[in-house]
Amino acid sequence: MSAPSSSASAQHARPAHLLIVEARFYDELADLLLTGAKRALAKAGASFELVTVPGALEIPAALRLAVASGRFDAYVALGCVIQGETRHYDIVAHESARGLTELALRHQALIGNGILTTENGDQARVRADPERNDKGGDAVRAALALLEVKRCLGA
C-alpha cells in the first residue's frame, strides 16, 4: 500500500466519533457491555454518542437512521439474545445479525457487532464482563479497525 495522501493523513489525525446503539433488554448485561465499550473508546481517544433501544431487533433500524445522518465515523451494536424455550431466540439472533450485515454492505457502515448470542445468562455475563471476555470492548475495537482500513484505503 502506498503512503496516505495529505487528506488521508488529516483524517488519521482526527479522533474517531462513534455511535453506540445498545439494547437494554437485559440491563445488567447492557451495563457490562457498555462499560467495556467506554473503556475501549477512552483508550483509543475516540468520542461517542449513545442511543438506547428496547432489544436487539431494534438495533439495525436505529443504526440505519444514524448512517443516514452522516454524523458518525463508525458504529457499535451492543445487546444480548439468550436462548429461551421457543424459537424466538433464533429469529432475534438471525435477524439482528442479518440487519447489521445488510447495513454494512449496502451502506458501507462500519459496525462493530457486540450483540451476544448465548445459551444462558451465565455465558452472557462472562462474555459481557469487561474483566473477562470484554465483548463490548471487542465491538469497539472491531469498529475502529474497520475505520482504520477505510482511512488507509482512502475510501
N, C-alpha and C. Protein backbone atom coordinates (compact mmCIF):
# COMPACT_ATOMS: atom_id res chain seq x y z
N MET A 1 0.84 -1.16 0.00
CA MET A 1 0.00 0.00 0.00
C MET A 1 0.89 1.23 0.00
N SER A 2 0.51 2.23 -0.75
CA SER A 2 1.30 3.46 -0.81
C SER A 2 1.00 4.34 0.39
N ALA A 3 1.85 5.36 0.55
CA ALA A 3 1.66 6.30 1.66
C ALA A 3 0.35 7.04 1.50
N PRO A 4 -0.33 7.33 2.61
CA PRO A 4 -1.60 8.05 2.51
C PRO A 4 -1.40 9.46 2.01
N SER A 5 -2.41 9.98 1.32
CA SER A 5 -2.37 11.36 0.85
C SER A 5 -2.48 12.29 2.04
N SER A 6 -2.24 13.60 1.80
CA SER A 6 -2.32 14.55 2.91
C SER A 6 -3.73 14.61 3.49
N SER A 7 -4.76 14.47 2.63
CA SER A 7 -6.12 14.48 3.17
C SER A 7 -6.38 13.23 3.99
N ALA A 8 -5.81 12.08 3.56
CA ALA A 8 -5.94 10.84 4.35
C ALA A 8 -5.19 10.99 5.66
N SER A 9 -4.03 11.66 5.64
CA SER A 9 -3.28 11.88 6.88
C SER A 9 -4.07 12.75 7.84
N ALA A 10 -4.76 13.75 7.31
CA ALA A 10 -5.59 14.61 8.16
C ALA A 10 -6.71 13.81 8.79
N GLN A 11 -7.29 12.87 8.01
CA GLN A 11 -8.34 12.02 8.56
C GLN A 11 -7.80 11.15 9.68
N HIS A 12 -6.56 10.64 9.52
CA HIS A 12 -5.96 9.80 10.55
C HIS A 12 -5.77 10.59 11.84
N ALA A 13 -5.47 11.89 11.71
CA ALA A 13 -5.20 12.71 12.88
C ALA A 13 -6.49 13.05 13.64
N ARG A 14 -7.61 13.04 12.95
CA ARG A 14 -8.88 13.39 13.57
C ARG A 14 -9.39 12.22 14.42
N PRO A 15 -9.69 12.49 15.69
CA PRO A 15 -10.23 11.39 16.53
C PRO A 15 -11.56 10.88 15.98
N ALA A 16 -11.77 9.61 16.13
CA ALA A 16 -12.99 8.98 15.64
C ALA A 16 -14.18 9.38 16.52
N HIS A 17 -15.34 9.49 15.88
CA HIS A 17 -16.59 9.76 16.58
C HIS A 17 -17.55 8.62 16.24
N LEU A 18 -17.93 7.84 17.24
CA LEU A 18 -18.76 6.66 17.04
C LEU A 18 -20.13 6.82 17.66
N LEU A 19 -21.04 6.02 17.17
CA LEU A 19 -22.35 5.89 17.80
C LEU A 19 -22.45 4.48 18.36
N ILE A 20 -22.85 4.40 19.63
CA ILE A 20 -23.17 3.12 20.24
C ILE A 20 -24.68 3.02 20.30
N VAL A 21 -25.21 1.93 19.77
CA VAL A 21 -26.63 1.63 19.93
C VAL A 21 -26.70 0.41 20.83
N GLU A 22 -27.31 0.60 21.99
CA GLU A 22 -27.39 -0.50 22.95
C GLU A 22 -28.84 -0.92 23.16
N ALA A 23 -29.03 -2.23 23.25
CA ALA A 23 -30.33 -2.78 23.60
C ALA A 23 -30.34 -3.02 25.10
N ARG A 24 -31.38 -2.54 25.78
CA ARG A 24 -31.44 -2.63 27.25
C ARG A 24 -32.34 -3.76 27.72
N PHE A 25 -32.60 -4.76 26.89
CA PHE A 25 -33.50 -5.84 27.30
C PHE A 25 -33.02 -6.52 28.58
N TYR A 26 -31.70 -6.69 28.70
CA TYR A 26 -31.08 -7.23 29.92
C TYR A 26 -30.18 -6.13 30.49
N ASP A 27 -30.71 -5.36 31.44
CA ASP A 27 -29.99 -4.19 31.95
C ASP A 27 -28.60 -4.50 32.49
N GLU A 28 -28.47 -5.55 33.29
CA GLU A 28 -27.16 -5.88 33.88
C GLU A 28 -26.13 -6.16 32.78
N LEU A 29 -26.52 -6.91 31.78
CA LEU A 29 -25.60 -7.24 30.69
C LEU A 29 -25.30 -6.01 29.84
N ALA A 30 -26.29 -5.18 29.62
CA ALA A 30 -26.09 -3.94 28.87
C ALA A 30 -25.08 -3.04 29.59
N ASP A 31 -25.19 -2.97 30.91
CA ASP A 31 -24.24 -2.16 31.69
C ASP A 31 -22.81 -2.67 31.53
N LEU A 32 -22.63 -3.99 31.58
CA LEU A 32 -21.30 -4.58 31.43
C LEU A 32 -20.74 -4.32 30.03
N LEU A 33 -21.54 -4.55 29.01
CA LEU A 33 -21.09 -4.30 27.64
C LEU A 33 -20.71 -2.84 27.44
N LEU A 34 -21.54 -1.95 27.96
CA LEU A 34 -21.28 -0.52 27.79
C LEU A 34 -20.02 -0.09 28.54
N THR A 35 -19.78 -0.65 29.71
CA THR A 35 -18.55 -0.34 30.45
C THR A 35 -17.32 -0.71 29.63
N GLY A 36 -17.33 -1.90 29.07
CA GLY A 36 -16.20 -2.33 28.23
C GLY A 36 -16.04 -1.46 27.01
N ALA A 37 -17.15 -1.10 26.38
CA ALA A 37 -17.10 -0.26 25.19
C ALA A 37 -16.53 1.12 25.52
N LYS A 38 -16.99 1.70 26.62
CA LYS A 38 -16.50 3.03 27.01
C LYS A 38 -15.01 3.01 27.32
N ARG A 39 -14.55 1.95 27.97
CA ARG A 39 -13.11 1.83 28.25
C ARG A 39 -12.30 1.78 26.96
N ALA A 40 -12.76 1.00 26.00
CA ALA A 40 -12.04 0.89 24.73
C ALA A 40 -12.04 2.21 23.97
N LEU A 41 -13.16 2.92 24.00
CA LEU A 41 -13.22 4.22 23.35
C LEU A 41 -12.28 5.22 24.00
N ALA A 42 -12.26 5.24 25.32
CA ALA A 42 -11.36 6.16 26.04
C ALA A 42 -9.90 5.84 25.71
N LYS A 43 -9.57 4.57 25.69
CA LYS A 43 -8.19 4.17 25.38
C LYS A 43 -7.79 4.60 23.97
N ALA A 44 -8.74 4.56 23.05
CA ALA A 44 -8.48 4.95 21.67
C ALA A 44 -8.55 6.46 21.45
N GLY A 45 -9.02 7.20 22.45
CA GLY A 45 -9.17 8.64 22.30
C GLY A 45 -10.34 9.02 21.40
N ALA A 46 -11.32 8.14 21.31
CA ALA A 46 -12.49 8.38 20.45
C ALA A 46 -13.64 8.95 21.26
N SER A 47 -14.46 9.75 20.61
CA SER A 47 -15.67 10.26 21.23
C SER A 47 -16.85 9.39 20.78
N PHE A 48 -17.96 9.52 21.51
CA PHE A 48 -19.12 8.72 21.15
C PHE A 48 -20.40 9.37 21.61
N GLU A 49 -21.47 8.93 21.00
CA GLU A 49 -22.83 9.23 21.44
C GLU A 49 -23.51 7.90 21.67
N LEU A 50 -24.55 7.91 22.48
CA LEU A 50 -25.24 6.68 22.87
C LEU A 50 -26.72 6.79 22.58
N VAL A 51 -27.26 5.75 21.97
CA VAL A 51 -28.70 5.62 21.74
C VAL A 51 -29.12 4.30 22.34
N THR A 52 -30.25 4.31 23.03
CA THR A 52 -30.76 3.09 23.66
C THR A 52 -32.05 2.66 22.97
N VAL A 53 -32.13 1.36 22.71
CA VAL A 53 -33.34 0.77 22.13
C VAL A 53 -33.78 -0.39 23.02
N PRO A 54 -35.02 -0.85 22.88
CA PRO A 54 -35.50 -1.91 23.78
C PRO A 54 -34.78 -3.25 23.63
N GLY A 55 -34.56 -3.70 22.38
CA GLY A 55 -33.99 -5.02 22.19
C GLY A 55 -33.13 -5.10 20.94
N ALA A 56 -32.55 -6.27 20.72
CA ALA A 56 -31.61 -6.47 19.61
C ALA A 56 -32.24 -6.25 18.24
N LEU A 57 -33.51 -6.56 18.09
CA LEU A 57 -34.15 -6.38 16.79
C LEU A 57 -34.26 -4.91 16.39
N GLU A 58 -34.26 -4.02 17.35
CA GLU A 58 -34.37 -2.59 17.05
C GLU A 58 -33.02 -1.94 16.71
N ILE A 59 -31.93 -2.63 16.98
CA ILE A 59 -30.61 -2.04 16.75
C ILE A 59 -30.38 -1.70 15.27
N PRO A 60 -30.63 -2.62 14.31
CA PRO A 60 -30.38 -2.23 12.91
C PRO A 60 -31.19 -1.02 12.45
N ALA A 61 -32.43 -0.91 12.88
CA ALA A 61 -33.24 0.25 12.47
C ALA A 61 -32.65 1.55 13.02
N ALA A 62 -32.23 1.55 14.27
CA ALA A 62 -31.62 2.74 14.85
C ALA A 62 -30.31 3.08 14.14
N LEU A 63 -29.53 2.06 13.83
CA LEU A 63 -28.28 2.31 13.11
C LEU A 63 -28.54 2.86 11.71
N ARG A 64 -29.56 2.38 11.06
CA ARG A 64 -29.86 2.88 9.71
C ARG A 64 -30.17 4.37 9.74
N LEU A 65 -30.92 4.80 10.75
CA LEU A 65 -31.20 6.23 10.90
C LEU A 65 -29.91 7.02 11.11
N ALA A 66 -29.01 6.46 11.92
CA ALA A 66 -27.75 7.14 12.20
C ALA A 66 -26.85 7.19 10.97
N VAL A 67 -26.81 6.10 10.21
CA VAL A 67 -25.99 6.08 8.99
C VAL A 67 -26.47 7.17 8.04
N ALA A 68 -27.77 7.33 7.93
CA ALA A 68 -28.33 8.35 7.04
C ALA A 68 -27.93 9.76 7.47
N SER A 69 -27.67 9.96 8.76
CA SER A 69 -27.30 11.29 9.25
C SER A 69 -25.90 11.71 8.82
N GLY A 70 -25.02 10.73 8.59
CA GLY A 70 -23.64 11.04 8.20
C GLY A 70 -22.79 11.64 9.30
N ARG A 71 -23.24 11.60 10.55
CA ARG A 71 -22.54 12.25 11.66
C ARG A 71 -21.45 11.41 12.29
N PHE A 72 -21.40 10.12 11.98
CA PHE A 72 -20.52 9.21 12.73
C PHE A 72 -19.52 8.52 11.80
N ASP A 73 -18.35 8.26 12.36
CA ASP A 73 -17.31 7.55 11.60
C ASP A 73 -17.54 6.04 11.60
N ALA A 74 -18.09 5.53 12.68
CA ALA A 74 -18.32 4.09 12.82
C ALA A 74 -19.39 3.88 13.89
N TYR A 75 -19.80 2.62 14.02
CA TYR A 75 -20.95 2.29 14.87
C TYR A 75 -20.63 1.04 15.69
N VAL A 76 -21.27 0.97 16.85
CA VAL A 76 -21.14 -0.20 17.72
C VAL A 76 -22.54 -0.64 18.14
N ALA A 77 -22.81 -1.92 17.93
CA ALA A 77 -24.09 -2.51 18.33
C ALA A 77 -23.85 -3.35 19.58
N LEU A 78 -24.58 -3.07 20.66
CA LEU A 78 -24.43 -3.81 21.91
C LEU A 78 -25.78 -4.36 22.35
N GLY A 79 -25.81 -5.62 22.68
CA GLY A 79 -27.03 -6.24 23.17
C GLY A 79 -26.79 -7.70 23.47
N CYS A 80 -27.85 -8.38 23.84
CA CYS A 80 -27.73 -9.78 24.17
C CYS A 80 -29.03 -10.51 23.85
N VAL A 81 -28.87 -11.69 23.26
CA VAL A 81 -30.00 -12.57 22.98
C VAL A 81 -29.68 -13.89 23.66
N ILE A 82 -30.53 -14.29 24.60
CA ILE A 82 -30.31 -15.52 25.36
C ILE A 82 -31.35 -16.55 24.95
N GLN A 83 -30.88 -17.76 24.70
CA GLN A 83 -31.75 -18.87 24.29
C GLN A 83 -32.86 -19.07 25.30
N GLY A 84 -34.06 -19.16 24.82
CA GLY A 84 -35.22 -19.44 25.68
C GLY A 84 -35.83 -20.77 25.28
N GLU A 85 -37.07 -20.93 25.64
CA GLU A 85 -37.75 -22.19 25.36
C GLU A 85 -38.41 -22.22 23.99
N THR A 86 -38.43 -21.09 23.29
CA THR A 86 -39.10 -21.03 21.99
C THR A 86 -38.10 -20.68 20.89
N ARG A 87 -38.57 -20.68 19.68
CA ARG A 87 -37.72 -20.34 18.52
C ARG A 87 -37.51 -18.84 18.38
N HIS A 88 -38.08 -18.04 19.24
CA HIS A 88 -37.91 -16.59 19.16
C HIS A 88 -36.42 -16.21 19.18
N TYR A 89 -35.63 -16.94 19.96
CA TYR A 89 -34.18 -16.70 20.03
C TYR A 89 -33.57 -16.75 18.63
N ASP A 90 -33.91 -17.79 17.86
CA ASP A 90 -33.35 -17.96 16.52
C ASP A 90 -33.69 -16.77 15.63
N ILE A 91 -34.92 -16.32 15.72
CA ILE A 91 -35.35 -15.20 14.89
C ILE A 91 -34.60 -13.92 15.28
N VAL A 92 -34.56 -13.62 16.55
CA VAL A 92 -33.90 -12.39 17.01
C VAL A 92 -32.41 -12.42 16.70
N ALA A 93 -31.75 -13.54 17.00
CA ALA A 93 -30.31 -13.64 16.75
C ALA A 93 -30.02 -13.50 15.25
N HIS A 94 -30.76 -14.22 14.45
CA HIS A 94 -30.52 -14.20 13.00
C HIS A 94 -30.84 -12.84 12.39
N GLU A 95 -32.00 -12.31 12.69
CA GLU A 95 -32.43 -11.07 12.04
C GLU A 95 -31.63 -9.85 12.49
N SER A 96 -31.20 -9.81 13.73
CA SER A 96 -30.36 -8.68 14.15
C SER A 96 -29.01 -8.75 13.44
N ALA A 97 -28.43 -9.94 13.34
CA ALA A 97 -27.15 -10.10 12.63
C ALA A 97 -27.32 -9.79 11.14
N ARG A 98 -28.40 -10.27 10.54
CA ARG A 98 -28.66 -10.00 9.13
C ARG A 98 -28.81 -8.50 8.88
N GLY A 99 -29.52 -7.83 9.77
CA GLY A 99 -29.70 -6.39 9.62
C GLY A 99 -28.39 -5.63 9.69
N LEU A 100 -27.52 -6.02 10.60
CA LEU A 100 -26.21 -5.36 10.70
C LEU A 100 -25.37 -5.62 9.45
N THR A 101 -25.38 -6.85 8.99
CA THR A 101 -24.60 -7.19 7.80
C THR A 101 -25.12 -6.43 6.59
N GLU A 102 -26.42 -6.34 6.44
CA GLU A 102 -27.01 -5.61 5.32
C GLU A 102 -26.61 -4.14 5.37
N LEU A 103 -26.65 -3.54 6.55
CA LEU A 103 -26.23 -2.14 6.67
C LEU A 103 -24.77 -1.96 6.29
N ALA A 104 -23.94 -2.86 6.77
CA ALA A 104 -22.51 -2.76 6.49
C ALA A 104 -22.24 -2.85 4.99
N LEU A 105 -22.88 -3.79 4.33
CA LEU A 105 -22.61 -4.00 2.91
C LEU A 105 -23.32 -2.98 2.02
N ARG A 106 -24.57 -2.71 2.28
CA ARG A 106 -25.35 -1.83 1.41
C ARG A 106 -25.00 -0.36 1.60
N HIS A 107 -24.68 0.03 2.85
CA HIS A 107 -24.46 1.44 3.15
C HIS A 107 -23.04 1.75 3.59
N GLN A 108 -22.16 0.77 3.45
CA GLN A 108 -20.76 0.93 3.83
C GLN A 108 -20.62 1.43 5.26
N ALA A 109 -21.48 0.93 6.13
CA ALA A 109 -21.43 1.29 7.55
C ALA A 109 -20.39 0.42 8.25
N LEU A 110 -19.56 1.04 9.02
CA LEU A 110 -18.50 0.34 9.76
C LEU A 110 -19.06 -0.01 11.13
N ILE A 111 -19.42 -1.28 11.33
CA ILE A 111 -20.15 -1.69 12.52
C ILE A 111 -19.38 -2.75 13.29
N GLY A 112 -19.13 -2.48 14.56
CA GLY A 112 -18.62 -3.50 15.47
C GLY A 112 -19.82 -4.18 16.12
N ASN A 113 -19.94 -5.47 15.89
CA ASN A 113 -21.11 -6.21 16.38
C ASN A 113 -20.83 -6.78 17.76
N GLY A 114 -21.46 -6.19 18.76
CA GLY A 114 -21.36 -6.66 20.13
C GLY A 114 -22.68 -7.21 20.63
N ILE A 115 -23.45 -7.82 19.75
CA ILE A 115 -24.70 -8.47 20.17
C ILE A 115 -24.36 -9.91 20.52
N LEU A 116 -24.42 -10.21 21.80
CA LEU A 116 -24.12 -11.56 22.26
C LEU A 116 -25.28 -12.49 21.97
N THR A 117 -24.98 -13.71 21.60
CA THR A 117 -26.00 -14.76 21.44
C THR A 117 -25.52 -15.95 22.27
N THR A 118 -26.20 -16.21 23.37
CA THR A 118 -25.74 -17.23 24.30
C THR A 118 -26.85 -18.19 24.68
N GLU A 119 -26.44 -19.30 25.25
CA GLU A 119 -27.41 -20.31 25.70
C GLU A 119 -28.04 -19.97 27.04
N ASN A 120 -27.31 -19.16 27.86
CA ASN A 120 -27.84 -18.85 29.18
C ASN A 120 -27.22 -17.56 29.71
N GLY A 121 -27.76 -17.10 30.83
CA GLY A 121 -27.28 -15.86 31.43
C GLY A 121 -25.85 -15.92 31.91
N ASP A 122 -25.42 -17.07 32.41
CA ASP A 122 -24.03 -17.20 32.87
C ASP A 122 -23.05 -16.99 31.74
N GLN A 123 -23.31 -17.61 30.59
CA GLN A 123 -22.44 -17.40 29.42
C GLN A 123 -22.43 -15.93 29.02
N ALA A 124 -23.58 -15.31 29.05
CA ALA A 124 -23.68 -13.90 28.67
C ALA A 124 -22.87 -13.01 29.61
N ARG A 125 -22.95 -13.28 30.92
CA ARG A 125 -22.19 -12.46 31.89
C ARG A 125 -20.69 -12.59 31.67
N VAL A 126 -20.21 -13.78 31.40
CA VAL A 126 -18.77 -13.97 31.15
C VAL A 126 -18.34 -13.19 29.92
N ARG A 127 -19.13 -13.24 28.88
CA ARG A 127 -18.77 -12.55 27.64
C ARG A 127 -18.90 -11.03 27.76
N ALA A 128 -19.88 -10.57 28.50
CA ALA A 128 -20.11 -9.13 28.63
C ALA A 128 -19.15 -8.46 29.61
N ASP A 129 -18.70 -9.18 30.61
CA ASP A 129 -17.86 -8.61 31.68
C ASP A 129 -16.56 -8.06 31.11
N PRO A 130 -16.29 -6.76 31.30
CA PRO A 130 -15.06 -6.17 30.78
C PRO A 130 -13.80 -6.74 31.42
N GLU A 131 -13.93 -7.39 32.56
CA GLU A 131 -12.78 -8.00 33.22
C GLU A 131 -12.54 -9.43 32.75
N ARG A 132 -13.44 -9.94 31.93
CA ARG A 132 -13.32 -11.31 31.44
C ARG A 132 -13.22 -11.31 29.92
N ASN A 133 -14.30 -11.53 29.21
CA ASN A 133 -14.23 -11.60 27.74
C ASN A 133 -14.33 -10.24 27.05
N ASP A 134 -14.92 -9.25 27.69
CA ASP A 134 -14.98 -7.87 27.19
C ASP A 134 -15.49 -7.73 25.76
N LYS A 135 -16.64 -8.31 25.50
CA LYS A 135 -17.19 -8.23 24.14
C LYS A 135 -17.65 -6.82 23.77
N GLY A 136 -17.97 -5.99 24.75
CA GLY A 136 -18.27 -4.59 24.45
C GLY A 136 -17.03 -3.87 23.93
N GLY A 137 -15.91 -4.10 24.60
CA GLY A 137 -14.64 -3.54 24.13
C GLY A 137 -14.23 -4.10 22.79
N ASP A 138 -14.46 -5.40 22.59
CA ASP A 138 -14.13 -6.03 21.30
C ASP A 138 -14.92 -5.39 20.16
N ALA A 139 -16.19 -5.08 20.40
CA ALA A 139 -17.01 -4.47 19.36
C ALA A 139 -16.47 -3.09 18.97
N VAL A 140 -16.04 -2.32 19.96
CA VAL A 140 -15.43 -1.01 19.68
C VAL A 140 -14.14 -1.19 18.89
N ARG A 141 -13.30 -2.13 19.32
CA ARG A 141 -12.03 -2.34 18.62
C ARG A 141 -12.26 -2.79 17.18
N ALA A 142 -13.31 -3.59 16.95
CA ALA A 142 -13.64 -4.02 15.58
C ALA A 142 -14.07 -2.82 14.73
N ALA A 143 -14.92 -1.96 15.28
CA ALA A 143 -15.38 -0.78 14.54
C ALA A 143 -14.20 0.14 14.22
N LEU A 144 -13.31 0.33 15.18
CA LEU A 144 -12.14 1.19 14.95
C LEU A 144 -11.18 0.57 13.94
N ALA A 145 -11.05 -0.75 13.95
CA ALA A 145 -10.20 -1.43 12.97
C ALA A 145 -10.76 -1.23 11.55
N LEU A 146 -12.07 -1.34 11.40
CA LEU A 146 -12.69 -1.09 10.10
C LEU A 146 -12.48 0.36 9.66
N LEU A 147 -12.58 1.28 10.59
CA LEU A 147 -12.34 2.69 10.27
C LEU A 147 -10.90 2.89 9.81
N GLU A 148 -9.98 2.23 10.44
CA GLU A 148 -8.57 2.34 10.03
C GLU A 148 -8.38 1.80 8.61
N VAL A 149 -9.03 0.68 8.29
CA VAL A 149 -8.96 0.14 6.93
C VAL A 149 -9.52 1.16 5.94
N LYS A 150 -10.67 1.72 6.27
CA LYS A 150 -11.29 2.72 5.39
C LYS A 150 -10.34 3.90 5.18
N ARG A 151 -9.74 4.38 6.23
CA ARG A 151 -8.84 5.53 6.13
C ARG A 151 -7.59 5.18 5.33
N CYS A 152 -7.04 4.00 5.53
CA CYS A 152 -5.86 3.58 4.80
C CYS A 152 -6.14 3.42 3.31
N LEU A 153 -7.33 2.97 2.98
CA LEU A 153 -7.70 2.79 1.57
C LEU A 153 -8.20 4.08 0.93
N GLY A 154 -8.35 5.11 1.74
CA GLY A 154 -8.83 6.39 1.22
C GLY A 154 -10.27 6.33 0.75
N ALA A 155 -11.02 5.39 1.34
CA ALA A 155 -12.42 5.22 0.92
C ALA A 155 -13.34 6.18 1.61
